[in-house]
C-alpha atoms as a PDB file:
ATOM      1  CA  MET A   1     -24.664  30.609 -21.236  1.00  0.00           C
ATOM      2  CA  PRO A   2     -25.366  29.561 -24.828  1.00  0.00           C
ATOM      3  CA  LEU A   3     -26.030  25.858 -25.387  1.00  0.00           C
ATOM      4  CA  PRO A   4     -22.961  25.199 -27.623  1.00  0.00           C
ATOM      5  CA  LEU A   5     -20.654  26.760 -25.021  1.00  0.00           C
ATOM      6  CA  ALA A   6     -22.255  24.737 -22.213  1.00  0.00           C
ATOM      7  CA  LEU A   7     -21.859  21.507 -24.209  1.00  0.00           C
ATOM      8  CA  LEU A   8     -18.232  22.338 -24.931  1.00  0.00           C
ATOM      9  CA  ALA A   9     -17.576  23.018 -21.240  1.00  0.00           C
ATOM     10  CA  ALA A  10     -19.234  19.723 -20.282  1.00  0.00           C
ATOM     11  CA  ALA A  11     -17.175  17.831 -22.881  1.00  0.00           C
ATOM     12  CA  VAL A  12     -13.908  19.368 -21.621  1.00  0.00           C
ATOM     13  CA  LEU A  13     -14.840  18.573 -18.024  1.00  0.00           C
ATOM     14  CA  LEU A  14     -15.667  14.986 -18.962  1.00  0.00           C
ATOM     15  CA  ALA A  15     -12.353  14.599 -20.832  1.00  0.00           C
ATOM     16  CA  VAL A  16     -10.329  15.974 -17.897  1.00  0.00           C
ATOM     17  CA  ALA A  17     -12.148  13.734 -15.414  1.00  0.00           C
ATOM     18  CA  THR A  18     -11.610  10.678 -17.613  1.00  0.00           C
ATOM     19  CA  LEU A  19      -7.904  11.434 -18.012  1.00  0.00           C
ATOM     20  CA  ALA A  20      -7.497  11.926 -14.253  1.00  0.00           C
ATOM     21  CA  GLY A  21      -9.258   8.606 -13.616  1.00  0.00           C
ATOM     22  CA  VAL A  22      -7.053   6.745 -16.083  1.00  0.00           C
ATOM     23  CA  LEU A  23      -3.882   8.206 -14.566  1.00  0.00           C
ATOM     24  CA  LEU A  24      -4.965   7.367 -11.012  1.00  0.00           C
ATOM     25  CA  ARG A  25      -5.907   3.840 -12.014  1.00  0.00           C
ATOM     26  CA  ARG A  26      -2.509   3.258 -13.639  1.00  0.00           C
ATOM     27  CA  ARG A  27      -0.808   4.188 -10.351  1.00  0.00           C
ATOM     28  CA  ASP A  28      -3.033   1.916  -8.240  1.00  0.00           C
ATOM     29  CA  GLY A  29      -1.079  -0.910  -6.641  1.00  0.00           C
ATOM     30  CA  ARG A  30       2.282   0.158  -8.020  1.00  0.00           C
ATOM     31  CA  ARG A  31       5.373  -0.107  -5.892  1.00  0.00           C
ATOM     32  CA  VAL A  32       7.145   3.071  -4.859  1.00  0.00           C
ATOM     33  CA  ALA A  33      10.578   2.708  -3.309  1.00  0.00           C
ATOM     34  CA  VAL A  34      10.982   4.716  -0.122  1.00  0.00           C
ATOM     35  CA  HIS A  35      14.276   6.472   0.460  1.00  0.00           C
ATOM     36  CA  GLY A  36      15.357   7.922   3.749  1.00  0.00           C
ATOM     37  CA  ASP A  37      15.008   6.858   7.337  1.00  0.00           C
ATOM     38  CA  HIS A  38      11.261   6.459   7.676  1.00  0.00           C
ATOM     39  CA  VAL A  39      10.771   3.877  10.434  1.00  0.00           C
ATOM     40  CA  VAL A  40       7.755   1.896  11.659  1.00  0.00           C
ATOM     41  CA  ASP A  41       7.351   1.568  15.409  1.00  0.00           C
ATOM     42  CA  PRO A  42       6.415  -2.038  16.339  1.00  0.00           C
ATOM     43  CA  ALA A  43       4.193  -0.615  19.108  1.00  0.00           C
ATOM     44  CA  ASP A  44       1.988   0.904  16.391  1.00  0.00           C
ATOM     45  CA  LEU A  45       1.483  -2.584  14.952  1.00  0.00           C
ATOM     46  CA  MET A  46       0.911  -4.168  18.369  1.00  0.00           C
ATOM     47  CA  GLN A  47       3.175  -7.037  17.313  1.00  0.00           C
ATOM     48  CA  PRO A  48       6.895  -7.531  16.731  1.00  0.00           C
ATOM     49  CA  LEU A  49       8.459  -7.004  13.322  1.00  0.00           C
ATOM     50  CA  GLY A  50       9.364 -10.023  11.213  1.00  0.00           C
ATOM     51  CA  ALA A  51      12.897 -11.400  11.398  1.00  0.00           C
ATOM     52  CA  HIS A  52      13.492 -10.367   7.778  1.00  0.00           C
ATOM     53  CA  ALA A  53      10.539  -8.186   6.720  1.00  0.00           C
ATOM     54  CA  THR A  54       7.030  -7.093   7.645  1.00  0.00           C
ATOM     55  CA  LEU A  55       4.157  -6.381   5.276  1.00  0.00           C
ATOM     56  CA  VAL A  56       2.140  -3.654   7.020  1.00  0.00           C
ATOM     57  CA  GLN A  57      -1.357  -3.248   5.607  1.00  0.00           C
ATOM     58  CA  PHE A  58      -3.407  -0.187   6.490  1.00  0.00           C
ATOM     59  CA  SER A  59      -7.140  -0.747   6.050  1.00  0.00           C
ATOM     60  CA  THR A  60     -10.513   0.396   7.342  1.00  0.00           C
ATOM     61  CA  GLU A  61     -13.758  -1.362   8.207  1.00  0.00           C
ATOM     62  CA  PHE A  62     -15.415  -0.097   5.032  1.00  0.00           C
ATOM     63  CA  CYS A  63     -12.599  -0.807   2.579  1.00  0.00           C
ATOM     64  CA  ALA A  64     -13.984  -3.094  -0.124  1.00  0.00           C
ATOM     65  CA  ARG A  65     -10.580  -4.085  -1.534  1.00  0.00           C
ATOM     66  CA  CYS A  66      -8.804  -4.688   1.798  1.00  0.00           C
ATOM     67  CA  PRO A  67      -9.925  -8.316   2.324  1.00  0.00           C
ATOM     68  CA  GLN A  68      -8.352  -9.477  -0.952  1.00  0.00           C
ATOM     69  CA  VAL A  69      -5.102  -7.670  -0.078  1.00  0.00           C
ATOM     70  CA  ARG A  70      -5.199  -9.227   3.424  1.00  0.00           C
ATOM     71  CA  ARG A  71      -5.496 -12.735   1.955  1.00  0.00           C
ATOM     72  CA  MET A  72      -2.725 -12.195  -0.589  1.00  0.00           C
ATOM     73  CA  LEU A  73      -0.294 -10.627   1.891  1.00  0.00           C
ATOM     74  CA  GLY A  74      -1.046 -13.350   4.446  1.00  0.00           C
ATOM     75  CA  THR A  75      -0.268 -16.028   1.869  1.00  0.00           C
ATOM     76  CA  VAL A  76       2.973 -14.334   0.813  1.00  0.00           C
ATOM     77  CA  ALA A  77       4.073 -13.954   4.442  1.00  0.00           C
ATOM     78  CA  ALA A  78       3.280 -17.622   5.160  1.00  0.00           C
ATOM     79  CA  GLU A  79       5.412 -18.686   2.190  1.00  0.00           C
ATOM     80  CA  ARG A  80       8.462 -16.636   3.167  1.00  0.00           C
ATOM     81  CA  GLU A  81      10.452 -17.436   6.274  1.00  0.00           C
ATOM     82  CA  GLY A  82      10.962 -14.441   8.535  1.00  0.00           C
ATOM     83  CA  VAL A  83       8.214 -12.393   6.867  1.00  0.00           C
ATOM     84  CA  VAL A  84       5.090 -11.413   8.797  1.00  0.00           C
ATOM     85  CA  HIS A  85       1.894  -9.646   7.810  1.00  0.00           C
ATOM     86  CA  ALA A  86       0.512  -6.987  10.143  1.00  0.00           C
ATOM     87  CA  GLU A  87      -2.792  -5.230   9.550  1.00  0.00           C
ATOM     88  CA  VAL A  88      -3.617  -1.862  11.086  1.00  0.00           C
ATOM     89  CA  ASP A  89      -7.260  -0.785  11.130  1.00  0.00           C
ATOM     90  CA  LEU A  90      -7.243   2.982  10.694  1.00  0.00           C
ATOM     91  CA  THR A  91     -10.858   3.139  11.831  1.00  0.00           C
ATOM     92  CA  SER A  92      -9.630   2.761  15.405  1.00  0.00           C
ATOM     93  CA  ARG A  93      -6.114   4.199  14.883  1.00  0.00           C
ATOM     94  CA  ALA A  94      -6.657   7.352  12.794  1.00  0.00           C
ATOM     95  CA  ASP A  95      -3.507   8.893  14.322  1.00  0.00           C
ATOM     96  CA  LEU A  96      -1.397   6.423  12.340  1.00  0.00           C
ATOM     97  CA  ALA A  97      -2.805   7.629   9.012  1.00  0.00           C
ATOM     98  CA  ALA A  98      -1.086  10.978   9.508  1.00  0.00           C
ATOM     99  CA  ARG A  99       2.098   9.478  10.947  1.00  0.00           C
ATOM    100  CA  TYR A 100       2.610   7.113   8.006  1.00  0.00           C
ATOM    101  CA  LYS A 101       1.055   9.409   5.372  1.00  0.00           C
ATOM    102  CA  VAL A 102      -1.762   7.032   4.436  1.00  0.00           C
ATOM    103  CA  LEU A 103      -4.239   8.852   2.201  1.00  0.00           C
ATOM    104  CA  SER A 104      -6.288   5.868   1.023  1.00  0.00           C
ATOM    105  CA  THR A 105      -6.838   2.226   1.857  1.00  0.00           C
ATOM    106  CA  PRO A 106      -5.511  -0.276   1.242  1.00  0.00           C
ATOM    107  CA  THR A 107      -1.954   0.991   1.639  1.00  0.00           C
ATOM    108  CA  THR A 108       0.838  -1.500   2.231  1.00  0.00           C
ATOM    109  CA  LEU A 109       4.322  -0.802   3.542  1.00  0.00           C
ATOM    110  CA  LEU A 110       7.216  -3.203   3.159  1.00  0.00           C
ATOM    111  CA  VAL A 111       9.360  -2.810   6.265  1.00  0.00           C
ATOM    112  CA  ASP A 112      12.766  -4.408   6.769  1.00  0.00           C
ATOM    113  CA  ALA A 113      13.898  -6.155   9.969  1.00  0.00           C
ATOM    114  CA  GLY A 114      15.143  -2.869  11.423  1.00  0.00           C
ATOM    115  CA  GLY A 115      11.784  -1.173  10.908  1.00  0.00           C
ATOM    116  CA  ARG A 116      12.834   0.964   7.922  1.00  0.00           C
ATOM    117  CA  ILE A 117      10.143   1.439   5.298  1.00  0.00           C
ATOM    118  CA  ARG A 118      11.567   0.135   2.028  1.00  0.00           C
ATOM    119  CA  SER A 119       8.533   0.209  -0.298  1.00  0.00           C
ATOM    120  CA  ARG A 120       4.976   1.534  -0.370  1.00  0.00           C
ATOM    121  CA  PHE A 121       1.992   0.229  -2.323  1.00  0.00           C
ATOM    122  CA  THR A 122      -1.137   2.369  -2.561  1.00  0.00           C
ATOM    123  CA  GLY A 123      -4.121   0.352  -3.718  1.00  0.00           C
ATOM    124  CA  VAL A 124      -4.134  -3.341  -4.541  1.00  0.00           C
ATOM    125  CA  PRO A 125      -0.625  -4.588  -5.311  1.00  0.00           C
ATOM    126  CA  THR A 126      -0.052  -7.619  -7.481  1.00  0.00           C
ATOM    127  CA  ARG A 127       1.455 -10.687  -5.888  1.00  0.00           C
ATOM    128  CA  ALA A 128       4.372 -10.477  -8.332  1.00  0.00           C
ATOM    129  CA  ASP A 129       5.139  -6.885  -7.293  1.00  0.00           C
ATOM    130  CA  VAL A 130       5.094  -7.802  -3.597  1.00  0.00           C
ATOM    131  CA  LEU A 131       7.382 -10.781  -4.201  1.00  0.00           C
ATOM    132  CA  SER A 132       9.734  -8.634  -6.272  1.00  0.00           C
ATOM    133  CA  ALA A 133       9.869  -6.009  -3.518  1.00  0.00           C
ATOM    134  CA  LEU A 134      10.580  -8.715  -0.952  1.00  0.00           C
ATOM    135  CA  ASP A 135      13.372 -10.127  -3.115  1.00  0.00           C
ATOM    136  CA  THR A 136      15.098  -6.743  -3.166  1.00  0.00           C
ATOM    137  CA  THR A 137      14.668  -6.355   0.607  1.00  0.00           C
ATOM    138  CA  LEU A 138      15.389  -9.830   1.975  1.00  0.00           C
ATOM    139  CA  PRO A 139      18.868 -11.227   2.452  1.00  0.00           C
ATOM    140  CA  LEU A 140      19.765 -13.964  -0.050  1.00  0.00           C
ATOM    141  CA  GLU A 141      19.324 -16.833   2.420  1.00  0.00           C
ATOM    142  CA  ALA A 142      15.731 -15.738   3.219  1.00  0.00           C
ATOM    143  CA  ARG A 143      14.489 -15.571  -0.383  1.00  0.00           C
ATOM    144  CA  SER A 144      12.283 -18.517  -1.489  1.00  0.00           C
END
């Protein structure tokens, strides 16, 4: 392969990889509303669901970003009555990754009191996005 053609191919490959990285990064931590009847089984969490909502965090032992998400979700749950934070370690429960379609960690599900998945966050969500999702899920008397 001639040198100019090889350099052009390398430049195109670099541009495509950079664009893919930028697009993936923009999606990281964003909230996606879940429609349908996808339900979380409390037995999978090994704890009961919250009276109003549950923040289910899927993580692994080697996830570098999971501890910061754990702290933030724990704080949000402590501030909201009827909201609990449950963490599932996929290292020991790999079967749940397929069941809940978790492709990367951290992944957070916002589950209502009936167990229905209302929102999904892949990556590190912002506190404001989690609070906003809770506000759309919680009954009026449970907000604040």
